[in-house]
Amino acid sequence: MLKFLKGLLKIAAVATGILFVIYFWNLDQKLMAWAYTQVNRIFDNKKTDIRF
């Protein structure tokens, strides 16, 4: 049982560390900005057919 708790604590500590790094360097917003740029590049190159 103690071995299981140590493993669980180690997993929780690693997950907390990873989440802190993502938060500290604002990596989630940087990833979203990169993805937004890629999506815009794809859709800006599409031919549009606008009829009213």
Protein backbone atom coordinates (compact mmCIF):
# COMPACT_ATOMS: atom_id res chain seq x y z
CA MET A 1 0.00 0.00 0.00
CA LEU A 2 2.83 2.38 0.84
CA LYS A 3 4.48 1.67 -2.53
CA PHE A 4 1.23 2.62 -4.28
CA LEU A 5 0.97 5.89 -2.35
CA LYS A 6 4.58 6.79 -3.16
CA GLY A 7 3.91 6.16 -6.85
CA LEU A 8 0.72 8.21 -6.72
CA LEU A 9 2.54 11.06 -4.96
CA LYS A 10 5.33 10.96 -7.54
CA ILE A 11 2.83 11.13 -10.42
CA ALA A 12 1.00 14.03 -8.76
CA ALA A 13 4.29 15.90 -8.20
CA VAL A 14 5.36 15.46 -11.84
CA ALA A 15 1.94 16.56 -13.11
CA THR A 16 2.01 19.63 -10.85
CA GLY A 17 5.50 20.51 -12.08
CA ILE A 18 4.51 20.20 -15.73
CA LEU A 19 1.39 22.31 -15.21
CA PHE A 20 3.43 24.97 -13.38
CA VAL A 21 5.90 25.23 -16.27
CA ILE A 22 3.02 25.56 -18.75
CA TYR A 23 1.44 28.28 -16.58
CA PHE A 24 4.70 30.13 -15.83
CA TRP A 25 5.80 30.48 -19.45
CA ASN A 26 2.25 30.92 -20.79
CA LEU A 27 2.79 28.00 -23.17
CA ASP A 28 -0.91 27.29 -23.65
CA GLN A 29 -1.54 30.72 -25.17
CA LYS A 30 1.57 30.46 -27.32
CA LEU A 31 0.38 27.11 -28.64
CA MET A 32 -3.08 28.53 -29.39
CA ALA A 33 -1.55 31.54 -31.18
CA TRP A 34 0.55 29.20 -33.34
CA ALA A 35 -2.49 27.01 -34.13
CA TYR A 36 -4.61 30.08 -34.93
CA THR A 37 -1.92 31.29 -37.35
CA GLN A 38 -1.83 27.91 -39.08
CA VAL A 39 -5.62 27.75 -39.43
CA ASN A 40 -5.73 31.30 -40.80
CA ARG A 41 -3.01 30.46 -43.32
CA ILE A 42 -5.06 27.48 -44.54
CA PHE A 43 -8.33 29.39 -44.84
CA ASP A 44 -6.76 32.53 -46.33
CA ASN A 45 -5.49 30.45 -49.26
CA LYS A 46 -8.91 28.93 -50.00
CA LYS A 47 -10.75 30.26 -52.99
CA THR A 48 -13.97 31.97 -51.99
CA ASP A 49 -17.21 32.03 -53.90
CA ILE A 50 -19.37 34.85 -52.59
CA ARG A 51 -22.77 35.25 -54.27
CA PHE A 52 -25.57 37.41 -53.01
